[in-house]
C-alpha atoms as a PDB file:
ATOM      1  CA  MET A   1     -12.632   9.215  -2.714  1.00  0.00           C
ATOM      2  CA  ALA A   2     -11.218   6.849  -5.328  1.00  0.00           C
ATOM      3  CA  ARG A   3      -8.568   9.375  -6.306  1.00  0.00           C
ATOM      4  CA  PHE A   4      -7.487   9.721  -2.691  1.00  0.00           C
ATOM      5  CA  GLY A   5      -7.119   5.955  -2.383  1.00  0.00           C
ATOM      6  CA  CYS A   6      -5.180   5.717  -5.632  1.00  0.00           C
ATOM      7  CA  GLY A   7      -2.898   8.580  -4.601  1.00  0.00           C
ATOM      8  CA  THR A   8      -2.299   6.961  -1.229  1.00  0.00           C
ATOM      9  CA  SER A   9      -1.309   3.754  -3.019  1.00  0.00           C
ATOM     10  CA  VAL A  10       1.225   5.687  -5.069  1.00  0.00           C
ATOM     11  CA  VAL A  11       2.724   7.250  -1.939  1.00  0.00           C
ATOM     12  CA  ALA A  12       2.867   3.832  -0.255  1.00  0.00           C
ATOM     13  CA  GLY A  13       4.634   2.480  -3.349  1.00  0.00           C
ATOM     14  CA  LEU A  14       7.261   5.196  -3.116  1.00  0.00           C
ATOM     15  CA  PHE A  15       7.908   4.313   0.512  1.00  0.00           C
ATOM     16  CA  ALA A  16       8.063   0.618  -0.446  1.00  0.00           C
ATOM     17  CA  LEU A  17      10.863   1.458  -2.876  1.00  0.00           C
ATOM     18  CA  VAL A  18      12.758   3.124  -0.029  1.00  0.00           C
ATOM     19  CA  GLY A  19      12.100   0.066   2.143  1.00  0.00           C
ATOM     20  CA  ILE A  20      13.929  -2.185  -0.340  1.00  0.00           C
ATOM     21  CA  VAL A  21      17.264  -0.703   0.721  1.00  0.00           C
ATOM     22  CA  PRO A  22      18.985  -2.921   3.304  1.00  0.00           C
ATOM     23  CA  LEU A  23      18.632  -1.693   6.893  1.00  0.00           C
ATOM     24  CA  LEU A  24      15.633   0.460   5.951  1.00  0.00           C
ATOM     25  CA  GLY A  25      13.016  -2.264   6.392  1.00  0.00           C
ATOM     26  CA  TRP A  26      11.527  -0.345   9.303  1.00  0.00           C
ATOM     27  CA  VAL A  27      10.094   2.032   6.690  1.00  0.00           C
ATOM     28  CA  ASN A  28       7.702  -0.752   5.734  1.00  0.00           C
ATOM     29  CA  TRP A  29       6.337  -0.913   9.296  1.00  0.00           C
ATOM     30  CA  ILE A  30       6.017   2.838   9.732  1.00  0.00           C
ATOM     31  CA  THR A  31       4.764   4.007   6.329  1.00  0.00           C
ATOM     32  CA  THR A  32       4.182   1.344   3.680  1.00  0.00           C
ATOM     33  CA  LEU A  33       1.883  -1.017   5.575  1.00  0.00           C
ATOM     34  CA  PRO A  34      -0.391   1.617   7.141  1.00  0.00           C
ATOM     35  CA  LEU A  35      -0.697   3.593   3.901  1.00  0.00           C
ATOM     36  CA  ALA A  36      -1.357   0.473   1.822  1.00  0.00           C
ATOM     37  CA  VAL A  37      -4.059  -0.726   4.216  1.00  0.00           C
ATOM     38  CA  LEU A  38      -5.620   2.751   4.260  1.00  0.00           C
ATOM     39  CA  ALA A  39      -5.570   2.937   0.462  1.00  0.00           C
ATOM     40  CA  SER A  40      -7.128  -0.513   0.141  1.00  0.00           C
ATOM     41  CA  ALA A  41      -9.884   0.355   2.604  1.00  0.00           C
ATOM     42  CA  VAL A  42     -10.693   3.685   0.950  1.00  0.00           C
ATOM     43  CA  CYS A  43     -10.783   2.146  -2.518  1.00  0.00           C
ATOM     44  CA  LEU A  44     -12.936  -0.739  -1.298  1.00  0.00           C
ATOM     45  CA  VAL A  45     -15.420   1.720   0.213  1.00  0.00           C
ATOM     46  CA  ALA A  46     -15.431   3.659  -3.068  1.00  0.00           C
ATOM     47  CA  LEU A  47     -16.160   0.465  -4.984  1.00  0.00           C
ATOM     48  CA  LEU A  48     -18.929  -0.560  -2.590  1.00  0.00           C
ATOM     49  CA  ARG A  49     -20.563   2.847  -2.990  1.00  0.00           C
ATOM     50  CA  GLU A  50     -21.024   2.127  -6.695  1.00  0.00           C
ATOM     51  CA  GLU A  51     -18.184   4.464  -7.631  1.00  0.00           C
ATOM     52  CA  ARG A  52     -16.654   1.926  -9.994  1.00  0.00           C
ATOM     53  CA  THR A  53     -13.905   3.973 -11.526  1.00  0.00           C
ATOM     54  CA  THR A  54     -10.554   2.904 -12.834  1.00  0.00           C
ATOM     55  CA  ALA A  55      -8.834   4.826 -10.028  1.00  0.00           C
ATOM     56  CA  ALA A  56     -10.699   2.797  -7.399  1.00  0.00           C
ATOM     57  CA  LEU A  57      -9.810  -0.502  -9.043  1.00  0.00           C
ATOM     58  CA  LEU A  58      -6.165   0.438  -9.549  1.00  0.00           C
ATOM     59  CA  GLY A  59      -5.866   1.794  -6.016  1.00  0.00           C
ATOM     60  CA  LEU A  60      -7.348  -1.376  -4.533  1.00  0.00           C
ATOM     61  CA  ALA A  61      -5.100  -3.648  -6.599  1.00  0.00           C
ATOM     62  CA  ALA A  62      -1.999  -1.595  -5.813  1.00  0.00           C
ATOM     63  CA  GLY A  63      -2.841  -1.434  -2.115  1.00  0.00           C
ATOM     64  CA  VAL A  64      -3.306  -5.183  -1.817  1.00  0.00           C
ATOM     65  CA  LEU A  65      -0.109  -5.883  -3.762  1.00  0.00           C
ATOM     66  CA  LEU A  66       1.817  -3.430  -1.586  1.00  0.00           C
ATOM     67  CA  VAL A  67       0.562  -5.112   1.594  1.00  0.00           C
ATOM     68  CA  PHE A  68       1.772  -8.470   0.291  1.00  0.00           C
ATOM     69  CA  TRP A  69       5.084  -6.966  -0.818  1.00  0.00           C
ATOM     70  CA  ALA A  70       5.712  -5.282   2.534  1.00  0.00           C
ATOM     71  CA  VAL A  71       4.887  -8.458   4.467  1.00  0.00           C
ATOM     72  CA  PHE A  72       7.152 -10.481   2.156  1.00  0.00           C
ATOM     73  CA  ARG A  73       9.979  -7.953   2.519  1.00  0.00           C
ATOM     74  CA  LEU A  74       9.606  -7.890   6.300  1.00  0.00           C
ATOM     75  CA  GLY A  75       9.614 -11.694   6.328  1.00  0.00           C
ATOM     76  CA  LEU A  76      12.934 -11.742   4.483  1.00  0.00           C
ATOM     77  CA  GLY A  77      14.491  -9.445   7.055  1.00  0.00           C
ATOM     78  CA  GLY A  78      13.009 -11.128  10.084  1.00  0.00           C
ATOM     79  CA  GLY A  79      10.574  -8.268  10.614  1.00  0.00           C
ATOM     80  CA  VAL A  80      13.293  -5.772  11.429  1.00  0.00           C
ATOM     81  CA  VAL A  81      15.872  -5.282   8.706  1.00  0.00           C
END
């Protein structure tokens, strides 16, 4: 479960890199935000189930940072760009 969450965070990070390109901010709405929230939730459940692995901690940290990054990036573009 922790590996799935960590892998989902990596995929969300790749989409966040694509979302940096001007006029591709919509990628953050469609892929980055949902994947980052999913990864954070899965890693949090893994941590609460006493599965305290490095993958769960890294996935949770990356997921939370990606949510903040996507919201910041969408704020710069007015939520669209």
